[in-house]
């Protein structure tokens, strides 16, 4: 089951995280992932006024930039360190149990 956390994130998983309560403080999560200020600006332009859209745009940029290093465990760690342990736990559960996003 631990191997599943080393898998590359899917776009559906990114969307699921963006739709969680982590959206309220998406910038700290993204900073921990190494997302740059330039990407924040681009994400905000692409995502209009919807924080969930902005968050998913930033996560997708991270996902594209990091390639195979954009793993579930990396995002889980960023969520936990940003105070979203419940979101991290839910993501880990869904990945380990191979359940579809809500």
C-alpha atoms as a PDB file:
ATOM      1  CA  UNK A   1       0.000   0.000   0.000  1.00  0.00           C
ATOM      2  CA  UNK A   2       2.926   2.365   0.650  1.00  0.00           C
ATOM      3  CA  UNK A   3       3.939   2.019  -3.013  1.00  0.00           C
ATOM      4  CA  UNK A   4       0.645   3.647  -3.973  1.00  0.00           C
ATOM      5  CA  UNK A   5       1.808   6.839  -2.225  1.00  0.00           C
ATOM      6  CA  UNK A   6       4.870   6.948  -4.475  1.00  0.00           C
ATOM      7  CA  UNK A   7       2.688   7.046  -7.570  1.00  0.00           C
ATOM      8  CA  UNK A   8       2.415  10.208  -9.585  1.00  0.00           C
ATOM      9  CA  UNK A   9      -0.643  12.276  -8.738  1.00  0.00           C
ATOM     10  CA  UNK A  10      -3.545  12.144 -11.179  1.00  0.00           C
ATOM     11  CA  UNK A  11      -5.441  15.216 -12.321  1.00  0.00           C
ATOM     12  CA  UNK A  12      -8.565  13.848 -10.584  1.00  0.00           C
ATOM     13  CA  UNK A  13      -6.657  13.602  -7.299  1.00  0.00           C
ATOM     14  CA  UNK A  14      -5.407  17.165  -7.717  1.00  0.00           C
ATOM     15  CA  UNK A  15      -8.976  18.354  -8.335  1.00  0.00           C
ATOM     16  CA  UNK A  16     -10.148  16.470  -5.255  1.00  0.00           C
ATOM     17  CA  UNK A  17      -7.557  18.247  -3.093  1.00  0.00           C
ATOM     18  CA  UNK A  18      -8.431  21.615  -4.659  1.00  0.00           C
ATOM     19  CA  UNK A  19     -12.078  21.035  -3.737  1.00  0.00           C
ATOM     20  CA  UNK A  20     -11.195  20.314  -0.095  1.00  0.00           C
ATOM     21  CA  UNK A  21     -10.897  22.784   2.791  1.00  0.00           C
ATOM     22  CA  UNK A  22      -7.214  23.196   1.839  1.00  0.00           C
ATOM     23  CA  UNK A  23      -8.468  25.673  -0.778  1.00  0.00           C
ATOM     24  CA  UNK A  24      -8.790  28.255   2.006  1.00  0.00           C
ATOM     25  CA  UNK A  25      -4.996  28.418   2.321  1.00  0.00           C
ATOM     26  CA  UNK A  26      -3.760  27.055  -0.990  1.00  0.00           C
ATOM     27  CA  UNK A  27      -0.673  29.282  -1.229  1.00  0.00           C
ATOM     28  CA  UNK A  28       1.117  27.779   1.823  1.00  0.00           C
ATOM     29  CA  UNK A  29       0.465  24.275   0.450  1.00  0.00           C
ATOM     30  CA  UNK A  30       1.849  25.264  -2.939  1.00  0.00           C
ATOM     31  CA  UNK A  31       4.861  27.028  -1.408  1.00  0.00           C
ATOM     32  CA  UNK A  32       5.757  23.795   0.391  1.00  0.00           C
ATOM     33  CA  UNK A  33       5.580  22.052  -2.999  1.00  0.00           C
ATOM     34  CA  UNK A  34       8.044  24.589  -4.398  1.00  0.00           C
ATOM     35  CA  UNK A  35       5.534  26.394  -6.605  1.00  0.00           C
ATOM     36  CA  UNK A  36       6.981  29.779  -7.541  1.00  0.00           C
ATOM     37  CA  UNK A  37       5.355  33.198  -7.307  1.00  0.00           C
ATOM     38  CA  UNK A  38       5.209  33.345 -11.122  1.00  0.00           C
ATOM     39  CA  UNK A  39       3.013  30.252 -11.119  1.00  0.00           C
ATOM     40  CA  UNK A  40       0.761  31.824  -8.457  1.00  0.00           C
ATOM     41  CA  UNK A  41       0.254  34.823 -10.735  1.00  0.00           C
ATOM     42  CA  UNK A  42      -0.441  32.609 -13.760  1.00  0.00           C
ATOM     43  CA  UNK A  43      -2.790  30.392 -11.736  1.00  0.00           C
ATOM     44  CA  UNK A  44      -4.711  33.419 -10.493  1.00  0.00           C
ATOM     45  CA  UNK A  45      -5.074  34.686 -14.080  1.00  0.00           C
ATOM     46  CA  UNK A  46      -6.224  31.272 -15.317  1.00  0.00           C
ATOM     47  CA  UNK A  47      -8.553  30.583 -12.402  1.00  0.00           C
ATOM     48  CA  UNK A  48     -10.611  33.761 -12.438  1.00  0.00           C
ATOM     49  CA  UNK A  49     -12.117  34.433  -8.999  1.00  0.00           C
ATOM     50  CA  UNK A  50     -12.750  30.815  -8.008  1.00  0.00           C
ATOM     51  CA  UNK A  51     -10.148  29.769  -5.388  1.00  0.00           C
ATOM     52  CA  UNK A  52     -10.638  26.085  -6.264  1.00  0.00           C
ATOM     53  CA  UNK A  53      -9.801  26.774  -9.925  1.00  0.00           C
ATOM     54  CA  UNK A  54      -6.745  28.821  -8.934  1.00  0.00           C
ATOM     55  CA  UNK A  55      -5.566  26.071  -6.565  1.00  0.00           C
ATOM     56  CA  UNK A  56      -5.985  23.330  -9.182  1.00  0.00           C
ATOM     57  CA  UNK A  57      -4.157  25.464 -11.779  1.00  0.00           C
ATOM     58  CA  UNK A  58      -1.231  25.870  -9.349  1.00  0.00           C
ATOM     59  CA  UNK A  59      -1.280  22.134  -8.523  1.00  0.00           C
ATOM     60  CA  UNK A  60      -1.344  21.257 -12.224  1.00  0.00           C
ATOM     61  CA  UNK A  61       1.687  23.502 -12.811  1.00  0.00           C
ATOM     62  CA  UNK A  62       3.503  21.704  -9.986  1.00  0.00           C
ATOM     63  CA  UNK A  63       2.397  18.361 -11.456  1.00  0.00           C
ATOM     64  CA  UNK A  64       3.703  19.265 -14.931  1.00  0.00           C
ATOM     65  CA  UNK A  65       6.948  20.753 -13.640  1.00  0.00           C
ATOM     66  CA  UNK A  66       7.799  17.890 -11.274  1.00  0.00           C
ATOM     67  CA  UNK A  67       6.833  15.021 -13.574  1.00  0.00           C
ATOM     68  CA  UNK A  68       7.339  11.676 -11.829  1.00  0.00           C
ATOM     69  CA  UNK A  69       8.325  13.500  -8.634  1.00  0.00           C
ATOM     70  CA  UNK A  70       4.783  14.903  -8.286  1.00  0.00           C
ATOM     71  CA  UNK A  71       3.795  12.028  -6.018  1.00  0.00           C
ATOM     72  CA  UNK A  72       0.979  11.480  -3.587  1.00  0.00           C
ATOM     73  CA  UNK A  73       3.421  11.356  -0.656  1.00  0.00           C
ATOM     74  CA  UNK A  74       4.928  14.744  -1.573  1.00  0.00           C
ATOM     75  CA  UNK A  75       1.495  16.380  -1.666  1.00  0.00           C
ATOM     76  CA  UNK A  76       0.427  14.588   1.534  1.00  0.00           C
ATOM     77  CA  UNK A  77       3.493  15.964   3.327  1.00  0.00           C
ATOM     78  CA  UNK A  78       2.810  19.499   2.053  1.00  0.00           C
ATOM     79  CA  UNK A  79      -0.815  19.264   3.212  1.00  0.00           C
ATOM     80  CA  UNK A  80       0.173  17.955   6.654  1.00  0.00           C
ATOM     81  CA  UNK A  81       2.818  20.655   7.168  1.00  0.00           C
ATOM     82  CA  UNK A  82       0.270  23.286   6.125  1.00  0.00           C
ATOM     83  CA  UNK A  83      -2.229  22.127   8.758  1.00  0.00           C
ATOM     84  CA  UNK A  84      -4.487  20.022   6.546  1.00  0.00           C
ATOM     85  CA  UNK A  85      -3.890  16.600   8.066  1.00  0.00           C
ATOM     86  CA  UNK A  86      -7.541  15.615   7.519  1.00  0.00           C
ATOM     87  CA  UNK A  87      -7.270  16.348   3.778  1.00  0.00           C
ATOM     88  CA  UNK A  88      -3.951  14.455   3.678  1.00  0.00           C
ATOM     89  CA  UNK A  89      -5.473  11.481   5.500  1.00  0.00           C
ATOM     90  CA  UNK A  90      -8.445  11.407   3.106  1.00  0.00           C
ATOM     91  CA  UNK A  91      -6.129  11.556   0.079  1.00  0.00           C
ATOM     92  CA  UNK A  92      -3.958   8.722   1.452  1.00  0.00           C
ATOM     93  CA  UNK A  93      -7.052   6.628   2.157  1.00  0.00           C
ATOM     94  CA  UNK A  94      -8.468   7.142  -1.330  1.00  0.00           C
ATOM     95  CA  UNK A  95      -5.160   6.297  -2.990  1.00  0.00           C
ATOM     96  CA  UNK A  96      -4.467   3.224  -0.858  1.00  0.00           C
ATOM     97  CA  UNK A  97      -7.991   1.929  -1.343  1.00  0.00           C
ATOM     98  CA  UNK A  98      -8.122   2.984  -4.988  1.00  0.00           C
ATOM     99  CA  UNK A  99     -11.413   4.810  -4.531  1.00  0.00           C
ATOM    100  CA  UNK A 100     -12.620   7.322  -7.061  1.00  0.00           C
ATOM    101  CA  UNK A 101     -12.692  11.005  -6.119  1.00  0.00           C
ATOM    102  CA  UNK A 102     -16.022  12.192  -4.784  1.00  0.00           C
END
